[in-house]
Amino acid sequence: MRGYFGVGVESVSKSMNAGAIFRTAHAFGASFVYTVAATYKRQQGALADTSNALEHVPFYGFPTINTMILPEGCRLVGVELTDDAVDLPSFRHPSQCAYILGPERGSLSPEMVEKCEFIVKIPTSFCINVSVAAALVMYDRSLSMGRFAERPVRPGGPHTPRDEHQHGGPILRSLDQFRQDPPVGEGFDPKGFSA
């Protein structure tokens, strides 16, 4: 997959949720994980993070929204169950983005929503666990941006694997269409013409 993504959570308070988000982010190939205004105990989060994600994926702990810094060109995508949010299955994921989820028993703060370029929602009847929501967002990103064989019309898996991606040679474009013959005519010295 091209691009990169990070996954973060605002005001997380349960260590097991933080650990599960980090582990899942590691499994899906996140470039970084982060928290904003977190109040969980980091050592306990390792109990849910059996992959030791923080030894493999950069972690950033921002104490406030105002201290949050993302890479240049990184688009912030909030995950929140609101009426005007885009349904996740209809959302085109940016190639360079960071996802931010709200806390347990709460929502993204209005200040965080204001910072987000996009707000997406998982089409459920009610809120689900924050670590499950993070996993669904990353899975959807993987489905929509990865190279997988097309789903068959009938139940079951594809009958033939998808062809390997072919890398072609460089595309050389000719500038001939932009070149003009030197002007000719009375009073013109072709020796003084330079292309």
N, C-alpha and C. Protein backbone atom coordinates (compact mmCIF):
# COMPACT_ATOMS: atom_id res chain seq x y z
N MET A 1 0.83 -1.19 0.00
CA MET A 1 0.00 0.00 0.00
C MET A 1 0.87 1.24 0.00
N ARG A 2 0.42 2.24 -0.70
CA ARG A 2 1.15 3.50 -0.72
C ARG A 2 0.72 4.34 0.47
N GLY A 3 1.55 5.32 0.79
CA GLY A 3 1.22 6.25 1.86
C GLY A 3 1.54 5.70 3.23
N TYR A 4 0.94 6.32 4.23
CA TYR A 4 1.14 5.90 5.62
C TYR A 4 -0.08 6.31 6.42
N PHE A 5 -0.21 5.73 7.61
CA PHE A 5 -1.27 6.16 8.51
C PHE A 5 -0.83 5.98 9.95
N GLY A 6 -1.45 6.78 10.80
CA GLY A 6 -1.26 6.65 12.24
C GLY A 6 -2.62 6.51 12.89
N VAL A 7 -2.63 5.97 14.10
CA VAL A 7 -3.88 5.78 14.84
C VAL A 7 -3.70 6.35 16.22
N GLY A 8 -4.67 7.18 16.64
CA GLY A 8 -4.60 7.76 17.97
C GLY A 8 -5.94 7.77 18.65
N VAL A 9 -5.90 8.04 19.93
CA VAL A 9 -7.12 8.09 20.73
C VAL A 9 -7.03 9.27 21.69
N GLU A 10 -8.13 9.99 21.82
CA GLU A 10 -8.19 11.16 22.69
C GLU A 10 -8.78 10.77 24.04
N SER A 11 -8.15 11.22 25.11
CA SER A 11 -8.64 11.04 26.49
C SER A 11 -8.92 9.59 26.85
N VAL A 12 -8.11 8.67 26.33
CA VAL A 12 -8.29 7.26 26.69
C VAL A 12 -7.95 7.08 28.17
N SER A 13 -8.76 6.26 28.86
CA SER A 13 -8.52 6.06 30.29
C SER A 13 -8.31 4.60 30.64
N LYS A 14 -8.66 3.69 29.76
CA LYS A 14 -8.52 2.27 30.04
C LYS A 14 -7.29 1.71 29.35
N SER A 15 -6.39 1.19 30.14
CA SER A 15 -5.10 0.69 29.63
C SER A 15 -5.28 -0.43 28.62
N MET A 16 -6.23 -1.32 28.87
CA MET A 16 -6.42 -2.45 27.96
C MET A 16 -6.89 -1.98 26.58
N ASN A 17 -7.70 -0.94 26.52
CA ASN A 17 -8.11 -0.40 25.23
C ASN A 17 -6.93 0.20 24.49
N ALA A 18 -6.11 0.97 25.19
CA ALA A 18 -4.93 1.56 24.56
C ALA A 18 -4.02 0.47 24.02
N GLY A 19 -3.75 -0.54 24.83
CA GLY A 19 -2.89 -1.64 24.40
C GLY A 19 -3.45 -2.38 23.20
N ALA A 20 -4.77 -2.60 23.19
CA ALA A 20 -5.40 -3.30 22.06
C ALA A 20 -5.31 -2.47 20.78
N ILE A 21 -5.51 -1.16 20.90
CA ILE A 21 -5.39 -0.29 19.72
C ILE A 21 -3.98 -0.33 19.17
N PHE A 22 -2.98 -0.24 20.04
CA PHE A 22 -1.59 -0.24 19.59
C PHE A 22 -1.22 -1.57 18.93
N ARG A 23 -1.68 -2.67 19.53
CA ARG A 23 -1.39 -3.99 18.97
C ARG A 23 -2.02 -4.14 17.59
N THR A 24 -3.27 -3.72 17.44
CA THR A 24 -3.96 -3.81 16.16
C THR A 24 -3.31 -2.90 15.12
N ALA A 25 -2.91 -1.71 15.54
CA ALA A 25 -2.22 -0.78 14.63
C ALA A 25 -0.92 -1.40 14.13
N HIS A 26 -0.20 -2.05 15.04
CA HIS A 26 1.04 -2.74 14.66
C HIS A 26 0.74 -3.82 13.62
N ALA A 27 -0.32 -4.61 13.85
CA ALA A 27 -0.68 -5.69 12.94
C ALA A 27 -1.06 -5.18 11.55
N PHE A 28 -1.71 -4.03 11.49
CA PHE A 28 -2.13 -3.47 10.20
C PHE A 28 -1.07 -2.60 9.55
N GLY A 29 0.09 -2.46 10.17
CA GLY A 29 1.19 -1.73 9.54
C GLY A 29 1.15 -0.22 9.73
N ALA A 30 0.60 0.25 10.85
CA ALA A 30 0.57 1.69 11.12
C ALA A 30 1.99 2.23 11.21
N SER A 31 2.16 3.47 10.79
CA SER A 31 3.46 4.12 10.85
C SER A 31 3.74 4.72 12.22
N PHE A 32 2.67 5.05 12.95
CA PHE A 32 2.82 5.57 14.31
C PHE A 32 1.49 5.45 15.04
N VAL A 33 1.57 5.49 16.37
CA VAL A 33 0.39 5.52 17.23
C VAL A 33 0.55 6.69 18.19
N TYR A 34 -0.57 7.22 18.69
CA TYR A 34 -0.47 8.37 19.57
C TYR A 34 -1.69 8.48 20.47
N THR A 35 -1.53 9.23 21.53
CA THR A 35 -2.63 9.57 22.42
C THR A 35 -2.65 11.08 22.61
N VAL A 36 -3.82 11.60 22.94
CA VAL A 36 -3.98 13.01 23.25
C VAL A 36 -4.74 13.09 24.57
N ALA A 37 -4.16 13.76 25.56
CA ALA A 37 -4.78 13.93 26.88
C ALA A 37 -5.17 12.60 27.50
N ALA A 38 -4.27 11.63 27.42
CA ALA A 38 -4.55 10.29 27.95
C ALA A 38 -4.35 10.24 29.46
N THR A 39 -5.11 9.36 30.12
CA THR A 39 -4.98 9.20 31.58
C THR A 39 -4.83 7.74 31.98
N TYR A 40 -4.45 6.88 31.08
CA TYR A 40 -4.32 5.46 31.41
C TYR A 40 -2.92 5.16 31.95
N LYS A 41 -2.78 3.98 32.55
CA LYS A 41 -1.47 3.54 33.07
C LYS A 41 -0.78 2.74 31.99
N ARG A 42 0.31 3.27 31.49
CA ARG A 42 0.99 2.67 30.33
C ARG A 42 1.46 1.25 30.57
N GLN A 43 1.94 0.95 31.76
CA GLN A 43 2.44 -0.40 32.02
C GLN A 43 1.33 -1.44 31.91
N GLN A 44 0.12 -1.10 32.32
CA GLN A 44 -0.98 -2.05 32.24
C GLN A 44 -1.43 -2.26 30.79
N GLY A 45 -1.23 -1.28 29.94
CA GLY A 45 -1.59 -1.43 28.53
C GLY A 45 -0.83 -2.54 27.85
N ALA A 46 0.35 -2.84 28.35
CA ALA A 46 1.17 -3.91 27.77
C ALA A 46 0.50 -5.27 27.91
N LEU A 47 -0.42 -5.41 28.87
CA LEU A 47 -1.11 -6.69 29.04
C LEU A 47 -1.96 -7.04 27.81
N ALA A 48 -2.51 -6.04 27.14
CA ALA A 48 -3.30 -6.27 25.93
C ALA A 48 -2.45 -6.21 24.67
N ASP A 49 -1.25 -5.67 24.79
CA ASP A 49 -0.36 -5.49 23.63
C ASP A 49 0.67 -6.61 23.62
N THR A 50 0.25 -7.80 23.26
CA THR A 50 1.15 -8.95 23.28
C THR A 50 2.18 -8.92 22.17
N SER A 51 2.04 -8.01 21.20
CA SER A 51 3.04 -7.91 20.13
C SER A 51 4.15 -6.92 20.49
N ASN A 52 4.05 -6.29 21.65
CA ASN A 52 4.99 -5.24 22.05
C ASN A 52 5.09 -4.16 20.97
N ALA A 53 3.93 -3.68 20.56
CA ALA A 53 3.85 -2.73 19.45
C ALA A 53 4.74 -1.52 19.66
N LEU A 54 4.82 -1.02 20.88
CA LEU A 54 5.58 0.21 21.11
C LEU A 54 7.09 0.01 20.98
N GLU A 55 7.53 -1.23 20.84
CA GLU A 55 8.94 -1.49 20.52
C GLU A 55 9.18 -1.46 19.01
N HIS A 56 8.09 -1.46 18.23
CA HIS A 56 8.20 -1.53 16.78
C HIS A 56 7.58 -0.34 16.05
N VAL A 57 6.66 0.34 16.70
CA VAL A 57 5.93 1.44 16.08
C VAL A 57 6.16 2.70 16.92
N PRO A 58 6.52 3.82 16.32
CA PRO A 58 6.72 5.05 17.10
C PRO A 58 5.44 5.45 17.84
N PHE A 59 5.61 5.87 19.09
CA PHE A 59 4.50 6.32 19.93
C PHE A 59 4.71 7.78 20.30
N TYR A 60 3.62 8.56 20.22
CA TYR A 60 3.66 9.96 20.62
C TYR A 60 2.55 10.20 21.63
N GLY A 61 2.89 10.72 22.78
CA GLY A 61 1.90 11.04 23.80
C GLY A 61 1.79 12.55 23.92
N PHE A 62 0.70 13.12 23.42
CA PHE A 62 0.50 14.56 23.47
C PHE A 62 -0.36 14.90 24.69
N PRO A 63 0.11 15.77 25.58
CA PRO A 63 -0.66 16.07 26.78
C PRO A 63 -1.95 16.84 26.51
N THR A 64 -1.98 17.64 25.44
CA THR A 64 -3.18 18.43 25.11
C THR A 64 -3.37 18.44 23.60
N ILE A 65 -4.54 18.90 23.18
CA ILE A 65 -4.81 19.03 21.75
C ILE A 65 -3.86 20.05 21.12
N ASN A 66 -3.58 21.11 21.84
CA ASN A 66 -2.72 22.17 21.29
C ASN A 66 -1.27 21.72 21.09
N THR A 67 -0.86 20.67 21.78
CA THR A 67 0.52 20.17 21.61
C THR A 67 0.61 19.08 20.55
N MET A 68 -0.52 18.65 20.02
CA MET A 68 -0.55 17.57 19.02
C MET A 68 0.09 18.07 17.72
N ILE A 69 1.06 17.33 17.23
CA ILE A 69 1.75 17.66 15.98
C ILE A 69 1.71 16.42 15.09
N LEU A 70 1.29 16.61 13.86
CA LEU A 70 1.28 15.52 12.89
C LEU A 70 2.24 15.86 11.76
N PRO A 71 2.68 14.87 11.00
CA PRO A 71 3.59 15.15 9.89
C PRO A 71 2.96 16.10 8.88
N GLU A 72 3.79 16.85 8.20
CA GLU A 72 3.31 17.76 7.18
C GLU A 72 2.59 16.97 6.09
N GLY A 73 1.42 17.44 5.69
CA GLY A 73 0.63 16.75 4.68
C GLY A 73 -0.24 15.64 5.22
N CYS A 74 -0.17 15.38 6.52
CA CYS A 74 -0.97 14.33 7.14
C CYS A 74 -2.37 14.87 7.41
N ARG A 75 -3.40 14.17 6.94
CA ARG A 75 -4.78 14.62 7.09
C ARG A 75 -5.41 13.92 8.28
N LEU A 76 -6.07 14.69 9.13
CA LEU A 76 -6.66 14.15 10.35
C LEU A 76 -8.08 13.67 10.07
N VAL A 77 -8.35 12.40 10.41
CA VAL A 77 -9.66 11.78 10.19
C VAL A 77 -10.22 11.38 11.55
N GLY A 78 -11.30 12.03 11.96
CA GLY A 78 -11.97 11.68 13.20
C GLY A 78 -12.94 10.54 12.99
N VAL A 79 -13.04 9.68 13.99
CA VAL A 79 -13.99 8.56 13.95
C VAL A 79 -15.01 8.82 15.04
N GLU A 80 -16.24 9.14 14.63
CA GLU A 80 -17.26 9.55 15.58
C GLU A 80 -18.63 9.23 15.02
N LEU A 81 -19.53 8.79 15.85
CA LEU A 81 -20.89 8.44 15.44
C LEU A 81 -21.77 9.69 15.50
N THR A 82 -21.73 10.48 14.41
CA THR A 82 -22.55 11.69 14.31
C THR A 82 -23.40 11.61 13.05
N ASP A 83 -24.45 12.41 13.01
CA ASP A 83 -25.37 12.38 11.87
C ASP A 83 -24.71 12.83 10.57
N ASP A 84 -23.80 13.78 10.64
CA ASP A 84 -23.21 14.32 9.41
C ASP A 84 -21.89 13.65 9.03
N ALA A 85 -21.47 12.62 9.77
CA ALA A 85 -20.24 11.91 9.43
C ALA A 85 -20.45 11.04 8.18
N VAL A 86 -19.38 10.80 7.45
CA VAL A 86 -19.41 9.94 6.27
C VAL A 86 -19.38 8.49 6.73
N ASP A 87 -20.26 7.67 6.16
CA ASP A 87 -20.23 6.24 6.48
C ASP A 87 -18.90 5.64 6.03
N LEU A 88 -18.26 4.90 6.91
CA LEU A 88 -16.94 4.35 6.62
C LEU A 88 -16.87 3.57 5.30
N PRO A 89 -17.86 2.72 4.97
CA PRO A 89 -17.76 2.00 3.69
C PRO A 89 -17.80 2.90 2.45
N SER A 90 -18.24 4.16 2.60
CA SER A 90 -18.30 5.09 1.47
C SER A 90 -17.15 6.08 1.47
N PHE A 91 -16.23 5.95 2.40
CA PHE A 91 -15.15 6.93 2.59
C PHE A 91 -13.91 6.50 1.82
N ARG A 92 -13.32 7.44 1.07
CA ARG A 92 -12.03 7.18 0.43
C ARG A 92 -10.94 7.66 1.38
N HIS A 93 -10.14 6.73 1.84
CA HIS A 93 -9.09 7.04 2.81
C HIS A 93 -7.98 7.85 2.16
N PRO A 94 -7.51 8.91 2.80
CA PRO A 94 -6.35 9.64 2.27
C PRO A 94 -5.12 8.75 2.35
N SER A 95 -4.19 8.94 1.42
CA SER A 95 -2.99 8.09 1.45
C SER A 95 -2.10 8.42 2.65
N GLN A 96 -2.14 9.66 3.12
CA GLN A 96 -1.35 10.08 4.27
C GLN A 96 -2.31 10.65 5.31
N CYS A 97 -2.55 9.90 6.38
CA CYS A 97 -3.52 10.40 7.35
C CYS A 97 -3.26 9.83 8.74
N ALA A 98 -3.92 10.45 9.69
CA ALA A 98 -3.94 9.97 11.07
C ALA A 98 -5.40 9.88 11.48
N TYR A 99 -5.78 8.75 12.06
CA TYR A 99 -7.12 8.56 12.56
C TYR A 99 -7.12 8.89 14.05
N ILE A 100 -8.18 9.53 14.51
CA ILE A 100 -8.31 9.83 15.94
C ILE A 100 -9.69 9.35 16.39
N LEU A 101 -9.70 8.60 17.48
CA LEU A 101 -10.93 8.08 18.05
C LEU A 101 -11.17 8.73 19.41
N GLY A 102 -12.42 8.74 19.82
CA GLY A 102 -12.78 9.33 21.10
C GLY A 102 -12.59 8.36 22.25
N PRO A 103 -12.77 8.84 23.46
CA PRO A 103 -12.56 8.02 24.64
C PRO A 103 -13.70 7.04 24.90
N GLU A 104 -13.48 6.14 25.83
CA GLU A 104 -14.54 5.26 26.28
C GLU A 104 -15.63 6.12 26.93
N ARG A 105 -16.85 5.74 26.71
CA ARG A 105 -18.00 6.45 27.31
C ARG A 105 -17.98 7.94 27.01
N GLY A 106 -17.52 8.28 25.82
CA GLY A 106 -17.47 9.70 25.47
C GLY A 106 -17.31 9.87 23.97
N SER A 107 -17.11 11.09 23.58
CA SER A 107 -16.96 11.44 22.17
C SER A 107 -15.70 12.26 21.98
N LEU A 108 -15.31 12.45 20.74
CA LEU A 108 -14.23 13.38 20.45
C LEU A 108 -14.65 14.76 20.96
N SER A 109 -13.70 15.48 21.51
CA SER A 109 -14.00 16.82 22.00
C SER A 109 -14.34 17.74 20.82
N PRO A 110 -15.14 18.78 21.06
CA PRO A 110 -15.43 19.72 19.97
C PRO A 110 -14.16 20.33 19.37
N GLU A 111 -13.14 20.55 20.19
CA GLU A 111 -11.87 21.09 19.69
C GLU A 111 -11.19 20.11 18.73
N MET A 112 -11.27 18.81 19.05
CA MET A 112 -10.67 17.81 18.18
C MET A 112 -11.47 17.69 16.88
N VAL A 113 -12.77 17.70 16.99
CA VAL A 113 -13.61 17.64 15.79
C VAL A 113 -13.28 18.81 14.86
N GLU A 114 -13.04 19.97 15.44
CA GLU A 114 -12.70 21.17 14.66
C GLU A 114 -11.38 20.97 13.91
N LYS A 115 -10.44 20.24 14.50
CA LYS A 115 -9.14 20.01 13.87
C LYS A 115 -9.22 18.98 12.73
N CYS A 116 -10.24 18.13 12.76
CA CYS A 116 -10.35 17.05 11.78
C CYS A 116 -10.78 17.57 10.42
N GLU A 117 -10.13 17.06 9.39
CA GLU A 117 -10.53 17.40 8.02
C GLU A 117 -11.74 16.57 7.60
N PHE A 118 -11.82 15.34 8.11
CA PHE A 118 -12.93 14.44 7.81
C PHE A 118 -13.43 13.81 9.11
N ILE A 119 -14.72 13.51 9.15
CA ILE A 119 -15.30 12.72 10.23
C ILE A 119 -16.00 11.54 9.58
N VAL A 120 -15.65 10.34 10.03
CA VAL A 120 -16.28 9.13 9.52
C VAL A 120 -16.97 8.41 10.65
N LYS A 121 -17.97 7.59 10.29
CA LYS A 121 -18.66 6.79 11.30
C LYS A 121 -18.78 5.37 10.80
N ILE A 122 -18.73 4.47 11.75
CA ILE A 122 -18.96 3.06 11.46
C ILE A 122 -20.47 2.87 11.52
N PRO A 123 -21.09 2.31 10.49
CA PRO A 123 -22.55 2.23 10.46
C PRO A 123 -23.10 1.19 11.43
N THR A 124 -23.14 1.55 12.70
CA THR A 124 -23.70 0.70 13.75
C THR A 124 -24.86 1.43 14.40
N SER A 125 -25.67 0.70 15.14
CA SER A 125 -26.84 1.29 15.81
C SER A 125 -26.45 2.12 17.01
N PHE A 126 -25.33 1.78 17.63
CA PHE A 126 -24.86 2.50 18.81
C PHE A 126 -23.35 2.36 18.89
N CYS A 127 -22.74 3.10 19.78
CA CYS A 127 -21.28 3.11 19.91
C CYS A 127 -20.75 1.73 20.27
N ILE A 128 -19.58 1.41 19.74
CA ILE A 128 -18.91 0.16 20.06
C ILE A 128 -17.61 0.48 20.79
N ASN A 129 -16.97 -0.54 21.32
CA ASN A 129 -15.71 -0.37 22.04
C ASN A 129 -14.69 0.34 21.17
N VAL A 130 -13.93 1.25 21.75
CA VAL A 130 -13.00 2.08 20.99
C VAL A 130 -11.93 1.25 20.29
N SER A 131 -11.46 0.17 20.92
CA SER A 131 -10.44 -0.64 20.25
C SER A 131 -11.03 -1.43 19.09
N VAL A 132 -12.30 -1.84 19.20
CA VAL A 132 -12.97 -2.51 18.09
C VAL A 132 -13.17 -1.52 16.94
N ALA A 133 -13.57 -0.29 17.27
CA ALA A 133 -13.76 0.74 16.25
C ALA A 133 -12.45 1.01 15.51
N ALA A 134 -11.35 1.10 16.24
CA ALA A 134 -10.05 1.33 15.60
C ALA A 134 -9.72 0.18 14.65
N ALA A 135 -9.98 -1.06 15.08
CA ALA A 135 -9.70 -2.21 14.23
C ALA A 135 -10.53 -2.18 12.96
N LEU A 136 -11.80 -1.80 13.07
CA LEU A 136 -12.65 -1.73 11.89
C LEU A 136 -12.19 -0.67 10.90
N VAL A 137 -11.75 0.46 11.40
CA VAL A 137 -11.26 1.53 10.53
C VAL A 137 -10.00 1.07 9.79
N MET A 138 -9.09 0.43 10.51
CA MET A 138 -7.85 -0.05 9.87
C MET A 138 -8.14 -1.17 8.87
N TYR A 139 -9.09 -2.03 9.19
CA TYR A 139 -9.47 -3.11 8.27
C TYR A 139 -10.08 -2.51 7.00
N ASP A 140 -10.94 -1.51 7.16
CA ASP A 140 -11.54 -0.86 6.00
C ASP A 140 -10.47 -0.20 5.14
N ARG A 141 -9.50 0.43 5.77
CA ARG A 141 -8.40 1.05 5.01
C ARG A 141 -7.65 -0.03 4.22
N SER A 142 -7.37 -1.14 4.88
CA SER A 142 -6.66 -2.23 4.22
C SER A 142 -7.46 -2.77 3.03
N LEU A 143 -8.77 -2.95 3.20
CA LEU A 143 -9.61 -3.45 2.11
C LEU A 143 -9.63 -2.48 0.94
N SER A 144 -9.80 -1.19 1.23
CA SER A 144 -9.98 -0.23 0.16
C SER A 144 -8.69 0.19 -0.52
N MET A 145 -7.55 0.07 0.16
CA MET A 145 -6.30 0.53 -0.42
C MET A 145 -5.33 -0.60 -0.79
N GLY A 146 -5.63 -1.82 -0.35
CA GLY A 146 -4.74 -2.94 -0.63
C GLY A 146 -5.02 -3.56 -1.99
N ARG A 147 -4.16 -4.48 -2.38
CA ARG A 147 -4.36 -5.20 -3.63
C ARG A 147 -4.86 -6.60 -3.31
N PHE A 148 -6.16 -6.78 -3.48
CA PHE A 148 -6.78 -8.07 -3.23
C PHE A 148 -7.52 -8.51 -4.47
N ALA A 149 -7.69 -9.81 -4.61
CA ALA A 149 -8.48 -10.33 -5.74
C ALA A 149 -9.93 -9.86 -5.59
N GLU A 150 -10.60 -9.66 -6.72
CA GLU A 150 -12.00 -9.24 -6.70
C GLU A 150 -12.84 -10.31 -6.03
N ARG A 151 -13.90 -9.88 -5.34
CA ARG A 151 -14.82 -10.83 -4.73
C ARG A 151 -15.62 -11.51 -5.85
N PRO A 152 -15.84 -12.82 -5.72
CA PRO A 152 -16.63 -13.52 -6.74
C PRO A 152 -18.12 -13.16 -6.61
N VAL A 153 -18.88 -13.45 -7.63
CA VAL A 153 -20.32 -13.20 -7.62
C VAL A 153 -21.02 -14.17 -6.68
N ARG A 154 -20.56 -15.41 -6.65
CA ARG A 154 -21.15 -16.44 -5.80
C ARG A 154 -20.40 -16.53 -4.48
N PRO A 155 -21.04 -17.07 -3.44
CA PRO A 155 -20.36 -17.21 -2.14
C PRO A 155 -19.06 -17.99 -2.25
N GLY A 156 -18.09 -17.59 -1.47
CA GLY A 156 -16.79 -18.25 -1.45
C GLY A 156 -15.70 -17.30 -1.89
N GLY A 157 -14.51 -17.83 -1.97
CA GLY A 157 -13.36 -17.02 -2.33
C GLY A 157 -13.12 -17.01 -3.82
N PRO A 158 -12.15 -16.22 -4.27
CA PRO A 158 -11.84 -16.17 -5.70
C PRO A 158 -11.26 -17.49 -6.17
N HIS A 159 -11.52 -17.83 -7.44
CA HIS A 159 -11.03 -19.09 -7.99
C HIS A 159 -9.60 -18.98 -8.50
N THR A 160 -9.23 -17.80 -8.90
CA THR A 160 -7.86 -17.59 -9.38
C THR A 160 -7.26 -16.41 -8.63
N PRO A 161 -6.00 -16.51 -8.28
CA PRO A 161 -5.37 -15.38 -7.58
C PRO A 161 -5.20 -14.19 -8.51
N ARG A 162 -5.08 -13.05 -7.92
CA ARG A 162 -4.89 -11.82 -8.70
C ARG A 162 -3.50 -11.84 -9.32
N ASP A 163 -3.41 -11.34 -10.55
CA ASP A 163 -2.11 -11.28 -11.24
C ASP A 163 -1.14 -10.43 -10.44
N GLU A 164 0.12 -10.81 -10.51
CA GLU A 164 1.17 -10.03 -9.87
C GLU A 164 1.26 -8.67 -10.53
N HIS A 165 1.56 -7.66 -9.76
CA HIS A 165 1.73 -6.32 -10.31
C HIS A 165 2.95 -6.29 -11.20
N GLN A 166 2.80 -5.73 -12.39
CA GLN A 166 3.90 -5.64 -13.34
C GLN A 166 4.47 -4.23 -13.31
N HIS A 167 5.75 -4.14 -13.10
CA HIS A 167 6.44 -2.84 -13.14
C HIS A 167 6.99 -2.66 -14.55
N GLY A 168 6.59 -1.61 -15.19
CA GLY A 168 7.07 -1.33 -16.53
C GLY A 168 8.33 -0.49 -16.49
N GLY A 169 8.88 -0.28 -17.64
CA GLY A 169 10.06 0.57 -17.75
C GLY A 169 9.67 2.04 -17.67
N PRO A 170 10.65 2.90 -17.73
CA PRO A 170 10.34 4.33 -17.65
C PRO A 170 9.57 4.77 -18.90
N ILE A 171 8.70 5.73 -18.70
CA ILE A 171 7.94 6.30 -19.81
C ILE A 171 8.68 7.54 -20.28
N LEU A 172 9.17 7.48 -21.50
CA LEU A 172 9.91 8.60 -22.06
C LEU A 172 9.00 9.35 -23.02
N ARG A 173 8.79 10.59 -22.73
CA ARG A 173 7.92 11.39 -23.58
C ARG A 173 8.77 12.20 -24.56
N SER A 174 8.30 12.28 -25.77
CA SER A 174 9.02 13.01 -26.79
C SER A 174 8.63 14.48 -26.74
N LEU A 175 9.61 15.34 -26.89
CA LEU A 175 9.37 16.78 -26.95
C LEU A 175 9.25 17.28 -28.38
N ASP A 176 9.24 16.35 -29.32
CA ASP A 176 9.19 16.73 -30.73
C ASP A 176 7.99 17.60 -31.06
N GLN A 177 6.88 17.34 -30.42
CA GLN A 177 5.68 18.13 -30.75
C GLN A 177 5.82 19.60 -30.35
N PHE A 178 6.76 19.89 -29.48
CA PHE A 178 6.95 21.27 -29.03
C PHE A 178 8.07 21.99 -29.79
N ARG A 179 8.82 21.24 -30.57
CA ARG A 179 9.91 21.84 -31.32
C ARG A 179 9.37 22.44 -32.61
N GLN A 180 9.95 23.54 -32.99
CA GLN A 180 9.54 24.19 -34.24
C GLN A 180 10.76 24.31 -35.15
N ASP A 181 10.48 24.26 -36.44
CA ASP A 181 11.56 24.49 -37.39
C ASP A 181 11.97 25.96 -37.29
N PRO A 182 13.25 26.24 -37.50
CA PRO A 182 13.66 27.65 -37.45
C PRO A 182 13.00 28.42 -38.59
N PRO A 183 12.70 29.64 -38.35
CA PRO A 183 12.07 30.44 -39.42
C PRO A 183 13.04 30.62 -40.58
N VAL A 184 12.51 30.60 -41.76
CA VAL A 184 13.32 30.82 -42.96
C VAL A 184 12.67 31.94 -43.76
N GLY A 185 13.46 32.59 -44.51
CA GLY A 185 12.89 33.64 -45.33
C GLY A 185 13.91 34.74 -45.57
N GLU A 186 13.47 35.72 -46.24
CA GLU A 186 14.33 36.83 -46.61
C GLU A 186 14.80 37.58 -45.37
N GLY A 187 16.08 37.83 -45.28
CA GLY A 187 16.65 38.60 -44.20
C GLY A 187 16.94 37.79 -42.93
N PHE A 188 16.76 36.47 -42.97
CA PHE A 188 17.01 35.66 -41.78
C PHE A 188 18.33 34.95 -41.92
N ASP A 189 19.18 35.04 -40.91
CA ASP A 189 20.48 34.38 -40.90
C ASP A 189 20.39 33.13 -40.03
N PRO A 190 20.33 31.91 -40.61
CA PRO A 190 20.19 30.69 -39.82
C PRO A 190 21.39 30.42 -38.93
N LYS A 191 22.55 31.00 -39.22
CA LYS A 191 23.72 30.78 -38.39
C LYS A 191 23.57 31.42 -37.01
N GLY A 192 22.76 32.46 -36.91
CA GLY A 192 22.55 33.12 -35.64
C GLY A 192 21.42 32.49 -34.82
N PHE A 193 20.78 31.46 -35.38
CA PHE A 193 19.67 30.82 -34.67
C PHE A 193 20.23 29.77 -33.72
N SER A 194 19.76 29.77 -32.50
CA SER A 194 20.18 28.72 -31.55
C SER A 194 18.94 28.10 -30.97
N ALA A 195 18.91 26.78 -30.89
CA ALA A 195 17.74 26.05 -30.38
C ALA A 195 17.75 26.01 -28.89
